[in-house]
Amino acid sequence: MISLRYHIVSIAAVFLALAVGVVLGSTALNGALLSGLSDEKGKLATQVSDLQAERNELNARLSDADAFAGSVGPKVVAGALDRRSVVLITTQEANPADRDALRQLIEQSGARVSGELQLTDAFTDPVKADQLRQVVTRLQPAGSTFPTAGDPGTLAGALVGSVLLLNKDTAQPQSTTDELAAAIAGLQDGGFANASPGIGPGQLALVLTGGQATGDGAGDKAATLARFAAQLDRSGAGTVLAGDPPSAEGTGAIGFVRADTSATSILSTVDNANTAAGRVSTVLALKEQLDGGTGRYGIAGNAQSPAPGVAQPGS
């Protein structure tokens, strides 16, 4: 009996020793693990701090570069569009500050802004496509020829181009003042656009948008605006489509244009009009259009160079 008790006590002692060993080993392991995690946390914190410092330095450089572009911009574009006229067309996503800065720079280039047409959200809304098509067809000026393509963007570009762009060869209006008034009134009554008082035709057109389209039918929205701008280009002496960097992505109007070789062969695009440098590029692109050239400018991966006449870094 005593022997049995002895063996039970011995076995209990062994299990107790094993348990203590596991606890002590676990404590040591946890200590090592926590120490390692603490070291890793410190390294990550240092990396984050270094990256933040690098980002702040890059932002400061960009800010300085943009300030420089803003200060020299008027001198760079001076006389580029002397005695020309530009009609400004904006979407509701376009930043008013960018619009005003572009308008000022266009005027500093020697050109006159003949008016502004603001396209509403309904203009690119796929749900409103049939209605826009009907309105545009009804407002077609007598004697004008619209493309056979039935998409609303192209047809709207043909209408606006026929009344708000001068003939590229003669620099004369392509429609009467009554036809211009009827077209603007029809677009406004349909909820597709709003025009500035006294808007008139120009030799060139600048279409200013914001970022990429979002929500249902984003691709259709981008396509409508892109085709509208491309048809405007065919209607007059030249057109530039400008926007923010996101507009050069897949569901952006500029991205849609740059994916279409038939559009990029005639329509110029600028994807950083939210910066002083991009706005200078926009005015220079209008001048290039007037001279028969075209290009893809800005900072996006699908741009060919930062500005007309400037080689892409590394090329």
C-alpha atoms as a PDB file:
ATOM      1  CA  MET A   1       0.000   0.000   0.000  1.00  0.00           C
ATOM      2  CA  ILE A   2       2.832   2.316   0.962  1.00  0.00           C
ATOM      3  CA  SER A   3       4.569   1.394  -2.300  1.00  0.00           C
ATOM      4  CA  LEU A   4       1.448   2.245  -4.330  1.00  0.00           C
ATOM      5  CA  ARG A   5       1.156   5.636  -2.599  1.00  0.00           C
ATOM      6  CA  TYR A   6       4.836   6.245  -3.294  1.00  0.00           C
ATOM      7  CA  HIS A   7       4.397   5.556  -6.988  1.00  0.00           C
ATOM      8  CA  ILE A   8       1.335   7.845  -7.147  1.00  0.00           C
ATOM      9  CA  VAL A   9       3.224  10.643  -5.409  1.00  0.00           C
ATOM     10  CA  SER A  10       6.182  10.094  -7.754  1.00  0.00           C
ATOM     11  CA  ILE A  11       4.000  10.247 -10.804  1.00  0.00           C
ATOM     12  CA  ALA A  12       2.302  13.414  -9.472  1.00  0.00           C
ATOM     13  CA  ALA A  13       5.699  14.949  -8.870  1.00  0.00           C
ATOM     14  CA  VAL A  14       6.749  14.185 -12.440  1.00  0.00           C
ATOM     15  CA  PHE A  15       3.607  15.803 -13.868  1.00  0.00           C
ATOM     16  CA  LEU A  16       4.082  18.803 -11.596  1.00  0.00           C
ATOM     17  CA  ALA A  17       7.660  19.178 -12.781  1.00  0.00           C
ATOM     18  CA  LEU A  18       6.559  18.942 -16.393  1.00  0.00           C
ATOM     19  CA  ALA A  19       3.842  21.551 -15.811  1.00  0.00           C
ATOM     20  CA  VAL A  20       6.286  23.932 -14.176  1.00  0.00           C
ATOM     21  CA  GLY A  21       8.706  23.407 -17.060  1.00  0.00           C
ATOM     22  CA  VAL A  22       6.010  24.180 -19.637  1.00  0.00           C
ATOM     23  CA  VAL A  23       4.975  27.333 -17.793  1.00  0.00           C
ATOM     24  CA  LEU A  24       8.531  28.521 -17.413  1.00  0.00           C
ATOM     25  CA  GLY A  25       9.333  27.673 -21.035  1.00  0.00           C
ATOM     26  CA  SER A  26       6.191  29.422 -22.235  1.00  0.00           C
ATOM     27  CA  THR A  27       7.053  32.499 -20.220  1.00  0.00           C
ATOM     28  CA  ALA A  28      10.529  32.584 -21.734  1.00  0.00           C
ATOM     29  CA  LEU A  29       9.110  32.071 -25.225  1.00  0.00           C
ATOM     30  CA  ASN A  30       6.516  34.797 -24.751  1.00  0.00           C
ATOM     31  CA  GLY A  31       9.195  37.134 -23.490  1.00  0.00           C
ATOM     32  CA  ALA A  32      11.354  36.498 -26.537  1.00  0.00           C
ATOM     33  CA  LEU A  33       8.361  36.859 -28.865  1.00  0.00           C
ATOM     34  CA  LEU A  34       7.249  40.124 -27.267  1.00  0.00           C
ATOM     35  CA  SER A  35      10.784  41.454 -27.410  1.00  0.00           C
ATOM     36  CA  GLY A  36      10.973  40.577 -31.120  1.00  0.00           C
ATOM     37  CA  LEU A  37       7.631  42.207 -31.822  1.00  0.00           C
ATOM     38  CA  SER A  38       8.699  45.311 -29.941  1.00  0.00           C
ATOM     39  CA  ASP A  39      11.868  45.538 -32.034  1.00  0.00           C
ATOM     40  CA  GLU A  40       9.859  45.068 -35.249  1.00  0.00           C
ATOM     41  CA  LYS A  41       7.396  47.743 -34.146  1.00  0.00           C
ATOM     42  CA  GLY A  42      10.249  50.147 -33.580  1.00  0.00           C
ATOM     43  CA  LYS A  43      11.689  49.443 -37.029  1.00  0.00           C
ATOM     44  CA  LEU A  44       8.288  49.955 -38.688  1.00  0.00           C
ATOM     45  CA  ALA A  45       7.792  53.215 -36.804  1.00  0.00           C
ATOM     46  CA  THR A  46      11.165  54.419 -38.071  1.00  0.00           C
ATOM     47  CA  GLN A  47      10.255  53.442 -41.638  1.00  0.00           C
ATOM     48  CA  VAL A  48       6.921  55.246 -41.384  1.00  0.00           C
ATOM     49  CA  SER A  49       8.658  58.345 -40.051  1.00  0.00           C
ATOM     50  CA  ASP A  50      11.212  58.232 -42.867  1.00  0.00           C
ATOM     51  CA  LEU A  51       8.483  57.823 -45.496  1.00  0.00           C
ATOM     52  CA  GLN A  52       6.491  60.714 -44.048  1.00  0.00           C
ATOM     53  CA  ALA A  53       9.574  62.915 -44.126  1.00  0.00           C
ATOM     54  CA  GLU A  54      10.240  61.872 -47.730  1.00  0.00           C
ATOM     55  CA  ARG A  55       6.619  62.581 -48.673  1.00  0.00           C
ATOM     56  CA  ASN A  56       6.726  66.000 -47.029  1.00  0.00           C
ATOM     57  CA  GLU A  57       9.933  66.818 -48.908  1.00  0.00           C
ATOM     58  CA  LEU A  58       8.417  65.729 -52.231  1.00  0.00           C
ATOM     59  CA  ASN A  59       5.243  67.737 -51.547  1.00  0.00           C
ATOM     60  CA  ALA A  60       7.370  70.777 -50.773  1.00  0.00           C
ATOM     61  CA  ARG A  61       9.270  70.341 -54.040  1.00  0.00           C
ATOM     62  CA  LEU A  62       6.029  69.961 -55.977  1.00  0.00           C
ATOM     63  CA  SER A  63       4.619  73.042 -54.298  1.00  0.00           C
ATOM     64  CA  ASP A  64       7.735  75.031 -55.201  1.00  0.00           C
ATOM     65  CA  ALA A  65       7.646  73.755 -58.783  1.00  0.00           C
ATOM     66  CA  ASP A  66       3.964  74.630 -59.124  1.00  0.00           C
ATOM     67  CA  ALA A  67       4.559  78.081 -57.673  1.00  0.00           C
ATOM     68  CA  PHE A  68       7.359  78.602 -60.185  1.00  0.00           C
ATOM     69  CA  ALA A  69       5.143  77.415 -63.054  1.00  0.00           C
ATOM     70  CA  GLY A  70       2.452  79.796 -61.883  1.00  0.00           C
ATOM     71  CA  SER A  71       4.841  82.737 -61.825  1.00  0.00           C
ATOM     72  CA  VAL A  72       6.382  82.126 -65.253  1.00  0.00           C
ATOM     73  CA  GLY A  73       3.242  80.735 -66.919  1.00  0.00           C
ATOM     74  CA  PRO A  74       1.941  84.081 -68.223  1.00  0.00           C
ATOM     75  CA  LYS A  75       5.327  84.779 -69.821  1.00  0.00           C
ATOM     76  CA  VAL A  76       5.493  81.318 -71.395  1.00  0.00           C
ATOM     77  CA  VAL A  77       2.066  81.631 -73.044  1.00  0.00           C
ATOM     78  CA  ALA A  78       2.249  85.339 -73.887  1.00  0.00           C
ATOM     79  CA  GLY A  79       1.193  85.852 -77.508  1.00  0.00           C
ATOM     80  CA  ALA A  80       0.584  82.128 -78.105  1.00  0.00           C
ATOM     81  CA  LEU A  81      -3.090  82.708 -78.945  1.00  0.00           C
ATOM     82  CA  ASP A  82      -2.899  86.345 -79.948  1.00  0.00           C
ATOM     83  CA  ARG A  83      -6.213  87.639 -81.374  1.00  0.00           C
ATOM     84  CA  ARG A  84      -7.785  84.180 -81.200  1.00  0.00           C
ATOM     85  CA  SER A  85     -11.014  83.220 -79.455  1.00  0.00           C
ATOM     86  CA  VAL A  86     -11.734  80.249 -77.187  1.00  0.00           C
ATOM     87  CA  VAL A  87     -15.067  78.893 -75.993  1.00  0.00           C
ATOM     88  CA  LEU A  88     -14.819  77.311 -72.549  1.00  0.00           C
ATOM     89  CA  ILE A  89     -16.920  74.200 -71.863  1.00  0.00           C
ATOM     90  CA  THR A  90     -16.969  72.710 -68.371  1.00  0.00           C
ATOM     91  CA  THR A  91     -18.558  69.784 -66.596  1.00  0.00           C
ATOM     92  CA  GLN A  92     -20.022  70.073 -63.120  1.00  0.00           C
ATOM     93  CA  GLU A  93     -17.045  68.102 -61.747  1.00  0.00           C
ATOM     94  CA  ALA A  94     -14.606  70.753 -62.936  1.00  0.00           C
ATOM     95  CA  ASN A  95     -13.024  72.765 -60.132  1.00  0.00           C
ATOM     96  CA  PRO A  96     -14.149  76.422 -60.385  1.00  0.00           C
ATOM     97  CA  ALA A  97     -10.700  77.572 -59.243  1.00  0.00           C
ATOM     98  CA  ASP A  98      -9.042  75.652 -62.087  1.00  0.00           C
ATOM     99  CA  ARG A  99     -11.587  77.067 -64.535  1.00  0.00           C
ATOM    100  CA  ASP A 100     -10.923  80.639 -63.421  1.00  0.00           C
ATOM    101  CA  ALA A 101      -7.157  80.158 -63.532  1.00  0.00           C
ATOM    102  CA  LEU A 102      -7.352  78.689 -67.039  1.00  0.00           C
ATOM    103  CA  ARG A 103      -9.581  81.491 -68.221  1.00  0.00           C
ATOM    104  CA  GLN A 104      -7.099  84.050 -66.923  1.00  0.00           C
ATOM    105  CA  LEU A 105      -4.164  82.263 -68.546  1.00  0.00           C
ATOM    106  CA  ILE A 106      -6.008  82.051 -71.879  1.00  0.00           C
ATOM    107  CA  GLU A 107      -6.564  85.784 -71.764  1.00  0.00           C
ATOM    108  CA  GLN A 108      -2.897  86.320 -70.858  1.00  0.00           C
ATOM    109  CA  SER A 109      -1.993  84.376 -74.004  1.00  0.00           C
ATOM    110  CA  GLY A 110      -3.724  87.086 -76.055  1.00  0.00           C
ATOM    111  CA  ALA A 111      -6.971  85.221 -76.710  1.00  0.00           C
ATOM    112  CA  ARG A 112     -10.537  86.172 -75.891  1.00  0.00           C
ATOM    113  CA  VAL A 113     -12.891  83.781 -74.087  1.00  0.00           C
ATOM    114  CA  SER A 114     -16.109  83.956 -76.110  1.00  0.00           C
ATOM    115  CA  GLY A 115     -18.248  82.449 -73.339  1.00  0.00           C
ATOM    116  CA  GLU A 116     -18.746  79.432 -71.113  1.00  0.00           C
ATOM    117  CA  LEU A 117     -21.058  76.475 -71.506  1.00  0.00           C
ATOM    118  CA  GLN A 118     -21.444  74.300 -68.427  1.00  0.00           C
ATOM    119  CA  LEU A 119     -22.630  70.742 -69.033  1.00  0.00           C
ATOM    120  CA  THR A 120     -24.852  69.312 -66.303  1.00  0.00           C
ATOM    121  CA  ASP A 121     -24.755  65.800 -64.868  1.00  0.00           C
ATOM    122  CA  ALA A 122     -27.747  64.950 -67.057  1.00  0.00           C
ATOM    123  CA  PHE A 123     -25.586  65.478 -70.149  1.00  0.00           C
ATOM    124  CA  THR A 124     -23.584  62.302 -69.485  1.00  0.00           C
ATOM    125  CA  ASP A 125     -26.310  60.369 -67.639  1.00  0.00           C
ATOM    126  CA  PRO A 126     -26.973  57.111 -69.561  1.00  0.00           C
ATOM    127  CA  VAL A 127     -30.622  57.268 -68.450  1.00  0.00           C
ATOM    128  CA  LYS A 128     -30.973  60.603 -70.279  1.00  0.00           C
ATOM    129  CA  ALA A 129     -29.154  59.471 -73.439  1.00  0.00           C
ATOM    130  CA  ASP A 130     -32.255  59.060 -75.610  1.00  0.00           C
ATOM    131  CA  GLN A 131     -33.637  62.399 -74.470  1.00  0.00           C
ATOM    132  CA  LEU A 132     -30.352  64.169 -75.249  1.00  0.00           C
ATOM    133  CA  ARG A 133     -30.242  62.520 -78.675  1.00  0.00           C
ATOM    134  CA  GLN A 134     -33.776  63.709 -79.465  1.00  0.00           C
ATOM    135  CA  VAL A 135     -33.103  67.274 -78.300  1.00  0.00           C
ATOM    136  CA  VAL A 136     -29.884  67.536 -80.311  1.00  0.00           C
ATOM    137  CA  THR A 137     -31.453  66.138 -83.478  1.00  0.00           C
ATOM    138  CA  ARG A 138     -34.379  68.542 -83.207  1.00  0.00           C
ATOM    139  CA  LEU A 139     -32.031  71.518 -82.828  1.00  0.00           C
ATOM    140  CA  GLN A 140     -29.800  70.700 -85.821  1.00  0.00           C
ATOM    141  CA  PRO A 141     -29.179  73.936 -87.748  1.00  0.00           C
ATOM    142  CA  ALA A 142     -30.383  74.063 -91.342  1.00  0.00           C
ATOM    143  CA  GLY A 143     -27.657  73.154 -93.799  1.00  0.00           C
ATOM    144  CA  SER A 144     -25.408  71.498 -91.225  1.00  0.00           C
ATOM    145  CA  THR A 145     -24.342  67.876 -91.564  1.00  0.00           C
ATOM    146  CA  PHE A 146     -24.311  65.649 -88.487  1.00  0.00           C
ATOM    147  CA  PRO A 147     -22.326  62.397 -88.321  1.00  0.00           C
ATOM    148  CA  THR A 148     -24.188  59.156 -88.885  1.00  0.00           C
ATOM    149  CA  ALA A 149     -23.040  57.852 -85.494  1.00  0.00           C
ATOM    150  CA  GLY A 150     -26.088  57.815 -83.284  1.00  0.00           C
ATOM    151  CA  ASP A 151     -24.452  58.110 -79.863  1.00  0.00           C
ATOM    152  CA  PRO A 152     -25.541  61.229 -77.941  1.00  0.00           C
ATOM    153  CA  GLY A 153     -22.008  62.444 -77.223  1.00  0.00           C
ATOM    154  CA  THR A 154     -21.044  62.645 -80.887  1.00  0.00           C
ATOM    155  CA  LEU A 155     -24.352  64.224 -81.893  1.00  0.00           C
ATOM    156  CA  ALA A 156     -24.144  66.786 -79.081  1.00  0.00           C
ATOM    157  CA  GLY A 157     -20.589  67.604 -80.159  1.00  0.00           C
ATOM    158  CA  ALA A 158     -21.831  68.173 -83.690  1.00  0.00           C
ATOM    159  CA  LEU A 159     -24.574  70.528 -82.478  1.00  0.00           C
ATOM    160  CA  VAL A 160     -22.399  72.541 -80.096  1.00  0.00           C
ATOM    161  CA  GLY A 161     -19.583  72.613 -82.644  1.00  0.00           C
ATOM    162  CA  SER A 162     -21.854  73.931 -85.368  1.00  0.00           C
ATOM    163  CA  VAL A 163     -23.065  76.861 -83.259  1.00  0.00           C
ATOM    164  CA  LEU A 164     -20.134  77.581 -80.918  1.00  0.00           C
ATOM    165  CA  LEU A 165     -17.112  77.011 -83.159  1.00  0.00           C
ATOM    166  CA  LEU A 166     -16.062  79.135 -86.111  1.00  0.00           C
ATOM    167  CA  ASN A 167     -15.291  77.546 -89.440  1.00  0.00           C
ATOM    168  CA  LYS A 168     -11.664  76.390 -89.278  1.00  0.00           C
ATOM    169  CA  ASP A 169     -10.917  77.632 -92.791  1.00  0.00           C
ATOM    170  CA  THR A 170     -12.733  80.964 -92.873  1.00  0.00           C
ATOM    171  CA  ALA A 171     -13.016  81.792 -89.147  1.00  0.00           C
ATOM    172  CA  GLN A 172     -16.658  82.674 -89.824  1.00  0.00           C
ATOM    173  CA  PRO A 173     -19.739  81.475 -87.888  1.00  0.00           C
ATOM    174  CA  GLN A 174     -21.182  78.164 -89.040  1.00  0.00           C
ATOM    175  CA  SER A 175     -24.718  79.069 -87.991  1.00  0.00           C
ATOM    176  CA  THR A 176     -26.927  82.111 -87.534  1.00  0.00           C
ATOM    177  CA  THR A 177     -27.391  83.942 -84.254  1.00  0.00           C
ATOM    178  CA  ASP A 178     -30.952  82.607 -84.105  1.00  0.00           C
ATOM    179  CA  GLU A 179     -29.731  79.030 -84.520  1.00  0.00           C
ATOM    180  CA  LEU A 180     -27.137  79.588 -81.800  1.00  0.00           C
ATOM    181  CA  ALA A 181     -29.772  81.003 -79.452  1.00  0.00           C
ATOM    182  CA  ALA A 182     -32.174  78.130 -80.208  1.00  0.00           C
ATOM    183  CA  ALA A 183     -29.511  75.491 -79.575  1.00  0.00           C
ATOM    184  CA  ILE A 184     -28.433  76.991 -76.266  1.00  0.00           C
ATOM    185  CA  ALA A 185     -32.045  77.466 -75.149  1.00  0.00           C
ATOM    186  CA  GLY A 186     -32.925  73.895 -76.110  1.00  0.00           C
ATOM    187  CA  LEU A 187     -30.000  72.437 -74.146  1.00  0.00           C
ATOM    188  CA  GLN A 188     -30.869  74.597 -71.150  1.00  0.00           C
ATOM    189  CA  ASP A 189     -34.574  73.749 -71.267  1.00  0.00           C
ATOM    190  CA  GLY A 190     -33.704  70.055 -71.447  1.00  0.00           C
ATOM    191  CA  GLY A 191     -31.526  70.397 -68.353  1.00  0.00           C
ATOM    192  CA  PHE A 192     -28.348  69.454 -70.208  1.00  0.00           C
ATOM    193  CA  ALA A 193     -26.364  72.705 -70.056  1.00  0.00           C
ATOM    194  CA  ASN A 194     -26.175  76.258 -68.774  1.00  0.00           C
ATOM    195  CA  ALA A 195     -24.577  79.092 -70.730  1.00  0.00           C
ATOM    196  CA  SER A 196     -23.007  82.382 -69.729  1.00  0.00           C
ATOM    197  CA  PRO A 197     -24.814  85.520 -70.940  1.00  0.00           C
ATOM    198  CA  GLY A 198     -23.807  86.629 -74.429  1.00  0.00           C
ATOM    199  CA  ILE A 199     -21.972  83.427 -75.274  1.00  0.00           C
ATOM    200  CA  GLY A 200     -20.657  83.378 -78.836  1.00  0.00           C
ATOM    201  CA  PRO A 201     -18.586  81.153 -81.111  1.00  0.00           C
ATOM    202  CA  GLY A 202     -14.820  80.782 -80.817  1.00  0.00           C
ATOM    203  CA  GLN A 203     -12.065  79.398 -83.004  1.00  0.00           C
ATOM    204  CA  LEU A 204     -10.958  76.893 -80.392  1.00  0.00           C
ATOM    205  CA  ALA A 205     -12.679  74.940 -77.626  1.00  0.00           C
ATOM    206  CA  LEU A 206     -11.413  73.919 -74.206  1.00  0.00           C
ATOM    207  CA  VAL A 207     -13.385  71.171 -72.462  1.00  0.00           C
ATOM    208  CA  LEU A 208     -12.548  71.091 -68.751  1.00  0.00           C
ATOM    209  CA  THR A 209     -13.612  68.187 -66.548  1.00  0.00           C
ATOM    210  CA  GLY A 210     -12.679  66.854 -63.122  1.00  0.00           C
ATOM    211  CA  GLY A 211     -11.717  63.286 -62.285  1.00  0.00           C
ATOM    212  CA  GLN A 212     -13.031  59.953 -63.491  1.00  0.00           C
ATOM    213  CA  ALA A 213     -16.731  59.140 -63.643  1.00  0.00           C
ATOM    214  CA  THR A 214     -18.200  57.093 -60.791  1.00  0.00           C
ATOM    215  CA  GLY A 215     -21.347  55.148 -59.992  1.00  0.00           C
ATOM    216  CA  ASP A 216     -23.602  53.209 -62.322  1.00  0.00           C
ATOM    217  CA  GLY A 217     -22.746  53.630 -65.985  1.00  0.00           C
ATOM    218  CA  ALA A 218     -19.385  55.277 -65.223  1.00  0.00           C
ATOM    219  CA  GLY A 219     -17.902  53.992 -68.474  1.00  0.00           C
ATOM    220  CA  ASP A 220     -20.828  55.321 -70.510  1.00  0.00           C
ATOM    221  CA  LYS A 221     -20.488  58.732 -68.861  1.00  0.00           C
ATOM    222  CA  ALA A 222     -16.797  58.916 -69.735  1.00  0.00           C
ATOM    223  CA  ALA A 223     -17.496  57.778 -73.293  1.00  0.00           C
ATOM    224  CA  THR A 224     -20.182  60.438 -73.818  1.00  0.00           C
ATOM    225  CA  LEU A 225     -17.895  63.290 -72.769  1.00  0.00           C
ATOM    226  CA  ALA A 226     -14.932  61.893 -74.704  1.00  0.00           C
ATOM    227  CA  ARG A 227     -16.935  61.523 -77.922  1.00  0.00           C
ATOM    228  CA  PHE A 228     -18.423  64.979 -77.414  1.00  0.00           C
ATOM    229  CA  ALA A 229     -14.948  66.537 -77.201  1.00  0.00           C
ATOM    230  CA  ALA A 230     -13.657  64.555 -80.184  1.00  0.00           C
ATOM    231  CA  GLN A 231     -16.553  65.719 -82.355  1.00  0.00           C
ATOM    232  CA  LEU A 232     -15.993  69.313 -81.244  1.00  0.00           C
ATOM    233  CA  ASP A 233     -12.440  68.969 -82.518  1.00  0.00           C
ATOM    234  CA  ARG A 234     -13.726  67.873 -85.911  1.00  0.00           C
ATOM    235  CA  SER A 235     -16.075  70.873 -86.011  1.00  0.00           C
ATOM    236  CA  GLY A 236     -13.560  73.673 -85.582  1.00  0.00           C
ATOM    237  CA  ALA A 237      -9.895  74.663 -85.588  1.00  0.00           C
ATOM    238  CA  GLY A 238      -9.044  72.605 -82.501  1.00  0.00           C
ATOM    239  CA  THR A 239     -10.113  71.320 -79.101  1.00  0.00           C
ATOM    240  CA  VAL A 240      -8.326  70.315 -75.918  1.00  0.00           C
ATOM    241  CA  LEU A 241      -9.846  68.050 -73.255  1.00  0.00           C
ATOM    242  CA  ALA A 242      -8.308  68.770 -69.843  1.00  0.00           C
ATOM    243  CA  GLY A 243      -8.887  67.384 -66.359  1.00  0.00           C
ATOM    244  CA  ASP A 244      -7.370  66.132 -63.110  1.00  0.00           C
ATOM    245  CA  PRO A 245      -5.072  63.050 -62.984  1.00  0.00           C
ATOM    246  CA  PRO A 246      -7.938  60.592 -62.236  1.00  0.00           C
ATOM    247  CA  SER A 247      -9.594  61.638 -65.513  1.00  0.00           C
ATOM    248  CA  ALA A 248      -6.827  59.733 -67.329  1.00  0.00           C
ATOM    249  CA  GLU A 249      -7.865  56.446 -65.716  1.00  0.00           C
ATOM    250  CA  GLY A 250     -10.214  53.794 -67.076  1.00  0.00           C
ATOM    251  CA  THR A 251     -13.526  55.521 -66.329  1.00  0.00           C
ATOM    252  CA  GLY A 252     -12.210  58.999 -67.023  1.00  0.00           C
ATOM    253  CA  ALA A 253     -12.969  60.892 -70.225  1.00  0.00           C
ATOM    254  CA  ILE A 254      -9.261  61.429 -70.936  1.00  0.00           C
ATOM    255  CA  GLY A 255      -8.559  57.762 -70.298  1.00  0.00           C
ATOM    256  CA  PHE A 256     -11.286  56.849 -72.770  1.00  0.00           C
ATOM    257  CA  VAL A 257      -9.839  59.173 -75.423  1.00  0.00           C
ATOM    258  CA  ARG A 258      -6.306  57.880 -74.956  1.00  0.00           C
ATOM    259  CA  ALA A 259      -7.504  54.314 -75.421  1.00  0.00           C
ATOM    260  CA  ASP A 260      -9.014  55.252 -78.802  1.00  0.00           C
ATOM    261  CA  THR A 261      -6.422  55.850 -81.515  1.00  0.00           C
ATOM    262  CA  SER A 262      -8.951  57.547 -83.786  1.00  0.00           C
ATOM    263  CA  ALA A 263      -9.632  60.107 -81.040  1.00  0.00           C
ATOM    264  CA  THR A 264      -6.003  60.663 -80.022  1.00  0.00           C
ATOM    265  CA  SER A 265      -5.100  61.348 -83.649  1.00  0.00           C
ATOM    266  CA  ILE A 266      -7.125  64.572 -83.570  1.00  0.00           C
ATOM    267  CA  LEU A 267      -7.931  65.535 -79.952  1.00  0.00           C
ATOM    268  CA  SER A 268      -5.323  66.805 -77.492  1.00  0.00           C
ATOM    269  CA  THR A 269      -5.583  65.910 -73.800  1.00  0.00           C
ATOM    270  CA  VAL A 270      -4.024  67.278 -70.606  1.00  0.00           C
ATOM    271  CA  ASP A 271      -4.413  65.288 -67.380  1.00  0.00           C
ATOM    272  CA  ASN A 272      -3.048  67.730 -64.769  1.00  0.00           C
ATOM    273  CA  ALA A 273      -5.055  70.903 -65.300  1.00  0.00           C
ATOM    274  CA  ASN A 274      -5.348  71.160 -61.508  1.00  0.00           C
ATOM    275  CA  THR A 275      -1.746  72.456 -61.421  1.00  0.00           C
ATOM    276  CA  ALA A 276      -0.150  75.615 -62.768  1.00  0.00           C
ATOM    277  CA  ALA A 277       2.154  73.549 -64.980  1.00  0.00           C
ATOM    278  CA  GLY A 278      -0.810  71.632 -66.396  1.00  0.00           C
ATOM    279  CA  ARG A 279      -2.682  74.813 -67.172  1.00  0.00           C
ATOM    280  CA  VAL A 280       0.318  76.167 -69.078  1.00  0.00           C
ATOM    281  CA  SER A 281       0.404  72.872 -71.002  1.00  0.00           C
ATOM    282  CA  THR A 282      -3.296  73.290 -71.778  1.00  0.00           C
ATOM    283  CA  VAL A 283      -2.825  76.703 -73.370  1.00  0.00           C
ATOM    284  CA  LEU A 284       0.198  75.465 -75.321  1.00  0.00           C
ATOM    285  CA  ALA A 285      -1.859  72.463 -76.462  1.00  0.00           C
ATOM    286  CA  LEU A 286      -4.534  74.852 -77.782  1.00  0.00           C
ATOM    287  CA  LYS A 287      -1.815  76.633 -79.760  1.00  0.00           C
ATOM    288  CA  GLU A 288      -0.563  73.274 -81.060  1.00  0.00           C
ATOM    289  CA  GLN A 289      -4.116  72.353 -82.126  1.00  0.00           C
ATOM    290  CA  LEU A 290      -4.375  75.629 -84.014  1.00  0.00           C
ATOM    291  CA  ASP A 291      -1.167  74.710 -85.831  1.00  0.00           C
ATOM    292  CA  GLY A 292      -2.521  71.272 -86.747  1.00  0.00           C
ATOM    293  CA  GLY A 293      -0.775  69.235 -84.044  1.00  0.00           C
ATOM    294  CA  THR A 294      -2.067  66.977 -81.286  1.00  0.00           C
ATOM    295  CA  GLY A 295      -0.745  65.259 -78.183  1.00  0.00           C
ATOM    296  CA  ARG A 296      -1.284  63.596 -74.801  1.00  0.00           C
ATOM    297  CA  TYR A 297       0.177  65.703 -72.011  1.00  0.00           C
ATOM    298  CA  GLY A 298       0.468  65.535 -68.234  1.00  0.00           C
ATOM    299  CA  ILE A 299       1.717  63.166 -65.560  1.00  0.00           C
ATOM    300  CA  ALA A 300      -0.329  59.992 -66.116  1.00  0.00           C
ATOM    301  CA  GLY A 301       1.266  56.832 -67.443  1.00  0.00           C
ATOM    302  CA  ASN A 302      -0.610  57.178 -70.745  1.00  0.00           C
ATOM    303  CA  ALA A 303       0.692  60.717 -71.383  1.00  0.00           C
ATOM    304  CA  GLN A 304       3.381  61.116 -74.029  1.00  0.00           C
ATOM    305  CA  SER A 305       5.124  64.082 -72.376  1.00  0.00           C
ATOM    306  CA  PRO A 306       4.557  66.785 -69.725  1.00  0.00           C
ATOM    307  CA  ALA A 307       3.827  69.520 -72.285  1.00  0.00           C
ATOM    308  CA  PRO A 308       4.039  70.297 -76.003  1.00  0.00           C
ATOM    309  CA  GLY A 309       7.665  70.494 -77.046  1.00  0.00           C
ATOM    310  CA  VAL A 310       8.919  68.883 -73.822  1.00  0.00           C
ATOM    311  CA  ALA A 311      10.422  65.394 -74.010  1.00  0.00           C
ATOM    312  CA  GLN A 312       9.236  62.728 -71.571  1.00  0.00           C
ATOM    313  CA  PRO A 313      11.844  62.267 -68.768  1.00  0.00           C
ATOM    314  CA  GLY A 314      14.092  59.299 -69.540  1.00  0.00           C
ATOM    315  CA  SER A 315      13.278  59.267 -73.233  1.00  0.00           C
END
